[in-house]
Amino acid sequence: MTVAAFAFGSPQAIQEKTTNIVAQNGLHWHAKLKVIDRGVPVIIPADMGLGATHNPIHTHDDELGLIHMEFGGKVTTTDLELGKFFAVWSRPFGQPTRMMVNGKDTTEYDNYMMRDGDTIELYYD
């Protein structure tokens, strides 16, 4: 399966997952994350991954829960795993009671490869 993507403004096709390479020349994607812990929404902090060292997976203060994925060069499926964001957040992922991506249930959990435009929902009881 090939999925259209944008890498720094120019179209680029994602290669087959078996190659593990998503982009050769970088990409700039965004995904929304919603975390609910025992019925209470968790605030995703602004500016995570930014500072003296710029992490390619980070947040800004422009929209709550928006994950920025801004990579240069070669990008692999592993680079885009949801668990990488939780590492930047310094928060254990744990096992959610329910995980939904774009309105559909999934059990990929921290191994889920985030994609541009995703809405990811994690529910913990």
N, C-alpha and C. Protein backbone atom coordinates (compact mmCIF):
# COMPACT_ATOMS: atom_id res chain seq x y z
N MET A 1 0.84 -1.17 0.00
CA MET A 1 0.00 0.00 0.00
C MET A 1 0.89 1.24 0.00
N THR A 2 0.59 2.19 -0.84
CA THR A 2 1.32 3.44 -0.89
C THR A 2 0.38 4.55 -0.46
N VAL A 3 0.87 5.43 0.41
CA VAL A 3 0.07 6.52 0.95
C VAL A 3 0.74 7.83 0.58
N ALA A 4 -0.01 8.80 0.14
CA ALA A 4 0.56 10.10 -0.22
C ALA A 4 0.97 10.85 1.04
N ALA A 5 2.08 11.56 0.96
CA ALA A 5 2.58 12.33 2.09
C ALA A 5 3.20 13.61 1.56
N PHE A 6 3.47 14.54 2.44
CA PHE A 6 4.15 15.76 2.06
C PHE A 6 5.42 15.88 2.87
N ALA A 7 6.52 16.05 2.19
CA ALA A 7 7.81 16.21 2.85
C ALA A 7 8.33 17.59 2.49
N PHE A 8 8.28 18.50 3.44
CA PHE A 8 8.73 19.87 3.25
C PHE A 8 8.11 20.50 2.02
N GLY A 9 6.80 20.28 1.85
CA GLY A 9 6.06 20.96 0.81
C GLY A 9 5.98 20.22 -0.51
N SER A 10 6.75 19.15 -0.71
CA SER A 10 6.67 18.44 -1.98
C SER A 10 6.09 17.05 -1.77
N PRO A 11 5.24 16.56 -2.71
CA PRO A 11 4.64 15.24 -2.53
C PRO A 11 5.71 14.16 -2.55
N GLN A 12 5.49 13.15 -1.73
CA GLN A 12 6.42 12.03 -1.67
C GLN A 12 5.62 10.81 -1.26
N ALA A 13 5.81 9.69 -1.93
CA ALA A 13 5.07 8.48 -1.59
C ALA A 13 5.78 7.74 -0.47
N ILE A 14 4.98 7.19 0.44
CA ILE A 14 5.54 6.34 1.48
C ILE A 14 5.84 5.00 0.85
N GLN A 15 7.03 4.48 1.09
CA GLN A 15 7.40 3.18 0.54
C GLN A 15 6.72 2.07 1.33
N GLU A 16 6.74 0.89 0.78
CA GLU A 16 6.14 -0.26 1.45
C GLU A 16 6.69 -0.37 2.86
N LYS A 17 5.81 -0.74 3.80
CA LYS A 17 6.19 -0.85 5.20
C LYS A 17 7.33 -1.84 5.40
N THR A 18 7.44 -2.83 4.53
CA THR A 18 8.49 -3.83 4.67
C THR A 18 9.88 -3.20 4.56
N THR A 19 10.00 -2.06 3.91
CA THR A 19 11.29 -1.41 3.80
C THR A 19 11.62 -0.61 5.05
N ASN A 20 10.61 -0.32 5.89
CA ASN A 20 10.79 0.45 7.12
C ASN A 20 11.11 1.92 6.87
N ILE A 21 11.17 2.34 5.61
CA ILE A 21 11.47 3.73 5.28
C ILE A 21 10.18 4.44 4.89
N VAL A 22 9.90 5.55 5.56
CA VAL A 22 8.70 6.33 5.29
C VAL A 22 9.03 7.47 4.33
N ALA A 23 10.18 8.10 4.51
CA ALA A 23 10.59 9.21 3.66
C ALA A 23 12.11 9.24 3.59
N GLN A 24 12.63 9.61 2.45
CA GLN A 24 14.08 9.73 2.26
C GLN A 24 14.58 11.15 2.54
N ASN A 25 13.71 12.13 2.31
CA ASN A 25 14.12 13.54 2.39
C ASN A 25 13.35 14.31 3.46
N GLY A 26 13.04 13.65 4.56
CA GLY A 26 12.36 14.32 5.66
C GLY A 26 10.86 14.42 5.47
N LEU A 27 10.19 14.86 6.52
CA LEU A 27 8.75 15.09 6.45
C LEU A 27 8.34 16.04 7.56
N HIS A 28 7.17 16.61 7.39
CA HIS A 28 6.61 17.52 8.39
C HIS A 28 5.13 17.17 8.51
N TRP A 29 4.80 16.39 9.53
CA TRP A 29 3.46 15.88 9.76
C TRP A 29 2.94 16.35 11.10
N HIS A 30 1.62 16.23 11.29
CA HIS A 30 0.98 16.56 12.56
C HIS A 30 -0.07 15.52 12.89
N ALA A 31 -0.17 15.18 14.17
CA ALA A 31 -1.21 14.28 14.66
C ALA A 31 -1.76 14.88 15.95
N LYS A 32 -3.06 14.68 16.18
CA LYS A 32 -3.68 15.15 17.42
C LYS A 32 -3.76 13.99 18.39
N LEU A 33 -3.44 14.27 19.65
CA LEU A 33 -3.48 13.26 20.69
C LEU A 33 -4.42 13.70 21.81
N LYS A 34 -5.31 12.79 22.17
CA LYS A 34 -6.24 13.02 23.29
C LYS A 34 -6.02 11.87 24.27
N VAL A 35 -5.70 12.21 25.52
CA VAL A 35 -5.50 11.22 26.57
C VAL A 35 -6.53 11.46 27.66
N ILE A 36 -7.27 10.42 28.00
CA ILE A 36 -8.28 10.48 29.05
C ILE A 36 -7.87 9.48 30.13
N ASP A 37 -7.61 9.97 31.34
CA ASP A 37 -7.20 9.13 32.47
C ASP A 37 -8.33 9.11 33.50
N ARG A 38 -8.99 7.98 33.63
CA ARG A 38 -10.13 7.80 34.54
C ARG A 38 -11.18 8.91 34.36
N GLY A 39 -11.50 9.18 33.11
CA GLY A 39 -12.53 10.14 32.78
C GLY A 39 -12.08 11.59 32.74
N VAL A 40 -10.82 11.86 33.07
CA VAL A 40 -10.31 13.24 33.11
C VAL A 40 -9.33 13.46 31.96
N PRO A 41 -9.58 14.48 31.13
CA PRO A 41 -8.64 14.79 30.05
C PRO A 41 -7.27 15.19 30.60
N VAL A 42 -6.22 14.66 29.99
CA VAL A 42 -4.85 14.99 30.39
C VAL A 42 -4.34 16.09 29.45
N ILE A 43 -3.79 17.12 30.02
CA ILE A 43 -3.25 18.22 29.22
C ILE A 43 -1.89 17.80 28.67
N ILE A 44 -1.73 17.93 27.38
CA ILE A 44 -0.45 17.65 26.72
C ILE A 44 0.35 18.95 26.81
N PRO A 45 1.47 18.95 27.52
CA PRO A 45 2.23 20.19 27.71
C PRO A 45 2.75 20.80 26.40
N ALA A 46 2.83 22.11 26.38
CA ALA A 46 3.39 22.84 25.24
C ALA A 46 4.92 22.77 25.28
N ASP A 47 5.52 22.90 24.13
CA ASP A 47 6.97 23.03 23.96
C ASP A 47 7.77 21.82 24.43
N MET A 48 7.16 20.65 24.48
CA MET A 48 7.93 19.44 24.80
C MET A 48 8.82 19.09 23.61
N GLY A 49 10.05 18.76 23.90
CA GLY A 49 10.99 18.41 22.86
C GLY A 49 11.67 19.60 22.23
N LEU A 50 11.37 20.79 22.71
CA LEU A 50 12.00 22.01 22.20
C LEU A 50 12.89 22.59 23.28
N GLY A 51 13.91 23.27 22.88
CA GLY A 51 14.84 23.86 23.84
C GLY A 51 16.24 23.79 23.29
N ALA A 52 17.20 23.51 24.14
CA ALA A 52 18.60 23.44 23.71
C ALA A 52 18.77 22.37 22.63
N THR A 53 18.05 21.27 22.78
CA THR A 53 18.05 20.22 21.77
C THR A 53 16.66 20.13 21.17
N HIS A 54 16.59 20.21 19.86
CA HIS A 54 15.30 20.15 19.15
C HIS A 54 15.01 18.70 18.78
N ASN A 55 13.97 18.13 19.40
CA ASN A 55 13.56 16.78 19.07
C ASN A 55 12.61 16.85 17.87
N PRO A 56 12.78 15.97 16.88
CA PRO A 56 11.89 16.03 15.72
C PRO A 56 10.43 15.76 16.06
N ILE A 57 10.14 15.07 17.17
CA ILE A 57 8.77 14.90 17.64
C ILE A 57 8.60 15.82 18.84
N HIS A 58 7.70 16.80 18.71
CA HIS A 58 7.57 17.81 19.76
C HIS A 58 6.18 18.45 19.73
N THR A 59 5.93 19.32 20.68
CA THR A 59 4.70 20.10 20.71
C THR A 59 5.06 21.58 20.67
N HIS A 60 4.09 22.40 20.31
CA HIS A 60 4.17 23.85 20.41
C HIS A 60 2.99 24.28 21.28
N ASP A 61 2.83 25.53 21.49
CA ASP A 61 1.70 26.00 22.28
C ASP A 61 0.53 26.45 21.40
N ASP A 62 0.61 26.12 20.11
CA ASP A 62 -0.41 26.64 19.20
C ASP A 62 -1.73 25.87 19.26
N GLU A 63 -1.72 24.62 19.62
CA GLU A 63 -2.96 23.86 19.74
C GLU A 63 -2.74 22.69 20.69
N LEU A 64 -3.56 22.62 21.71
CA LEU A 64 -3.44 21.57 22.71
C LEU A 64 -3.55 20.18 22.07
N GLY A 65 -2.58 19.33 22.36
CA GLY A 65 -2.61 17.96 21.89
C GLY A 65 -2.08 17.75 20.49
N LEU A 66 -1.52 18.77 19.86
CA LEU A 66 -0.99 18.62 18.51
C LEU A 66 0.47 18.20 18.58
N ILE A 67 0.76 17.03 18.02
CA ILE A 67 2.13 16.53 17.96
C ILE A 67 2.71 16.91 16.61
N HIS A 68 3.88 17.52 16.64
CA HIS A 68 4.59 17.88 15.41
C HIS A 68 5.67 16.83 15.16
N MET A 69 5.74 16.35 13.93
CA MET A 69 6.78 15.42 13.51
C MET A 69 7.53 16.10 12.38
N GLU A 70 8.70 16.64 12.69
CA GLU A 70 9.48 17.41 11.72
C GLU A 70 10.87 16.79 11.61
N PHE A 71 11.03 15.95 10.62
CA PHE A 71 12.27 15.22 10.43
C PHE A 71 12.96 15.68 9.16
N GLY A 72 14.28 15.70 9.18
CA GLY A 72 15.08 15.88 7.99
C GLY A 72 15.69 14.54 7.63
N GLY A 73 16.06 14.35 6.38
CA GLY A 73 16.70 13.11 5.97
C GLY A 73 15.78 11.91 5.99
N LYS A 74 16.39 10.73 6.16
CA LYS A 74 15.64 9.48 6.13
C LYS A 74 14.80 9.33 7.39
N VAL A 75 13.54 8.93 7.22
CA VAL A 75 12.60 8.72 8.33
C VAL A 75 12.09 7.29 8.23
N THR A 76 12.16 6.56 9.35
CA THR A 76 11.70 5.18 9.36
C THR A 76 10.38 5.07 10.14
N THR A 77 9.73 3.94 10.01
CA THR A 77 8.49 3.70 10.73
C THR A 77 8.72 3.80 12.24
N THR A 78 9.86 3.33 12.69
CA THR A 78 10.18 3.37 14.12
C THR A 78 10.30 4.80 14.64
N ASP A 79 10.79 5.71 13.81
CA ASP A 79 10.92 7.12 14.21
C ASP A 79 9.57 7.73 14.56
N LEU A 80 8.50 7.23 13.95
CA LEU A 80 7.18 7.83 14.07
C LEU A 80 6.27 7.10 15.05
N GLU A 81 6.81 6.17 15.82
CA GLU A 81 5.99 5.42 16.77
C GLU A 81 5.50 6.32 17.90
N LEU A 82 4.26 6.10 18.30
CA LEU A 82 3.64 6.88 19.37
C LEU A 82 4.47 6.81 20.65
N GLY A 83 5.08 5.67 20.92
CA GLY A 83 5.93 5.53 22.10
C GLY A 83 7.09 6.51 22.13
N LYS A 84 7.57 6.94 20.95
CA LYS A 84 8.65 7.94 20.89
C LYS A 84 8.16 9.27 21.47
N PHE A 85 6.90 9.62 21.19
CA PHE A 85 6.36 10.85 21.75
C PHE A 85 6.28 10.75 23.27
N PHE A 86 5.85 9.61 23.78
CA PHE A 86 5.76 9.44 25.23
C PHE A 86 7.15 9.51 25.87
N ALA A 87 8.18 9.07 25.18
CA ALA A 87 9.55 9.20 25.69
C ALA A 87 9.95 10.68 25.77
N VAL A 88 9.59 11.46 24.76
CA VAL A 88 9.85 12.91 24.79
C VAL A 88 9.10 13.54 25.96
N TRP A 89 7.89 13.06 26.21
CA TRP A 89 7.04 13.55 27.28
C TRP A 89 7.55 13.09 28.64
N SER A 90 8.44 12.12 28.67
CA SER A 90 8.95 11.50 29.91
C SER A 90 7.81 10.92 30.73
N ARG A 91 6.89 10.29 30.03
CA ARG A 91 5.72 9.69 30.68
C ARG A 91 5.61 8.24 30.18
N PRO A 92 5.44 7.28 31.10
CA PRO A 92 5.28 5.90 30.64
C PRO A 92 3.99 5.75 29.84
N PHE A 93 4.04 4.98 28.77
CA PHE A 93 2.85 4.79 27.94
C PHE A 93 1.82 3.92 28.65
N GLY A 94 2.26 2.85 29.30
CA GLY A 94 1.33 1.94 29.95
C GLY A 94 0.46 1.25 28.92
N GLN A 95 -0.56 0.56 29.35
CA GLN A 95 -1.49 -0.08 28.43
C GLN A 95 -2.85 0.56 28.60
N PRO A 96 -3.30 1.31 27.60
CA PRO A 96 -4.61 1.93 27.73
C PRO A 96 -5.73 0.89 27.71
N THR A 97 -6.84 1.23 28.31
CA THR A 97 -8.03 0.40 28.27
C THR A 97 -8.58 0.35 26.85
N ARG A 98 -8.46 1.48 26.16
CA ARG A 98 -8.93 1.58 24.78
C ARG A 98 -8.06 2.56 24.02
N MET A 99 -7.77 2.22 22.77
CA MET A 99 -7.03 3.12 21.89
C MET A 99 -7.79 3.20 20.58
N MET A 100 -8.00 4.43 20.14
CA MET A 100 -8.66 4.66 18.85
C MET A 100 -7.80 5.58 18.00
N VAL A 101 -7.75 5.28 16.71
CA VAL A 101 -7.07 6.15 15.75
C VAL A 101 -8.07 6.45 14.65
N ASN A 102 -8.33 7.72 14.47
CA ASN A 102 -9.29 8.17 13.46
C ASN A 102 -10.64 7.47 13.61
N GLY A 103 -11.05 7.29 14.88
CA GLY A 103 -12.35 6.72 15.17
C GLY A 103 -12.44 5.20 15.14
N LYS A 104 -11.31 4.52 14.89
CA LYS A 104 -11.31 3.06 14.84
C LYS A 104 -10.42 2.50 15.94
N ASP A 105 -10.90 1.43 16.57
CA ASP A 105 -10.12 0.78 17.62
C ASP A 105 -8.87 0.14 17.04
N THR A 106 -7.79 0.18 17.83
CA THR A 106 -6.54 -0.46 17.45
C THR A 106 -5.84 -0.97 18.70
N THR A 107 -4.98 -1.93 18.54
CA THR A 107 -4.18 -2.45 19.66
C THR A 107 -2.69 -2.31 19.37
N GLU A 108 -2.33 -1.40 18.51
CA GLU A 108 -0.90 -1.18 18.21
C GLU A 108 -0.20 -0.43 19.34
N TYR A 109 -0.96 0.29 20.14
CA TYR A 109 -0.47 1.00 21.31
C TYR A 109 0.78 1.82 21.01
N ASP A 110 1.84 1.68 21.82
CA ASP A 110 3.02 2.54 21.66
C ASP A 110 3.78 2.25 20.37
N ASN A 111 3.49 1.14 19.69
CA ASN A 111 4.13 0.82 18.41
C ASN A 111 3.40 1.44 17.23
N TYR A 112 2.28 2.12 17.49
CA TYR A 112 1.52 2.71 16.40
C TYR A 112 2.36 3.77 15.68
N MET A 113 2.45 3.66 14.35
CA MET A 113 3.17 4.64 13.56
C MET A 113 2.23 5.81 13.26
N MET A 114 2.52 6.96 13.85
CA MET A 114 1.69 8.15 13.65
C MET A 114 1.80 8.61 12.20
N ARG A 115 0.67 9.09 11.67
CA ARG A 115 0.60 9.58 10.31
C ARG A 115 0.03 11.00 10.31
N ASP A 116 0.29 11.71 9.24
CA ASP A 116 -0.20 13.07 9.11
C ASP A 116 -1.72 13.08 9.17
N GLY A 117 -2.27 13.94 10.02
CA GLY A 117 -3.71 14.09 10.13
C GLY A 117 -4.39 13.13 11.10
N ASP A 118 -3.63 12.23 11.72
CA ASP A 118 -4.22 11.29 12.67
C ASP A 118 -4.84 12.00 13.86
N THR A 119 -5.92 11.42 14.36
CA THR A 119 -6.47 11.77 15.66
C THR A 119 -6.38 10.52 16.51
N ILE A 120 -5.56 10.58 17.54
CA ILE A 120 -5.27 9.42 18.39
C ILE A 120 -5.92 9.66 19.75
N GLU A 121 -6.70 8.69 20.21
CA GLU A 121 -7.36 8.78 21.50
C GLU A 121 -6.94 7.60 22.37
N LEU A 122 -6.48 7.91 23.59
CA LEU A 122 -6.08 6.89 24.55
C LEU A 122 -6.93 7.04 25.80
N TYR A 123 -7.52 5.92 26.24
CA TYR A 123 -8.37 5.93 27.43
C TYR A 123 -7.76 4.99 28.45
N TYR A 124 -7.51 5.51 29.65
CA TYR A 124 -6.97 4.72 30.75
C TYR A 124 -8.00 4.70 31.87
N ASP A 125 -8.29 3.50 32.42
CA ASP A 125 -9.20 3.37 33.56
C ASP A 125 -8.43 3.10 34.84
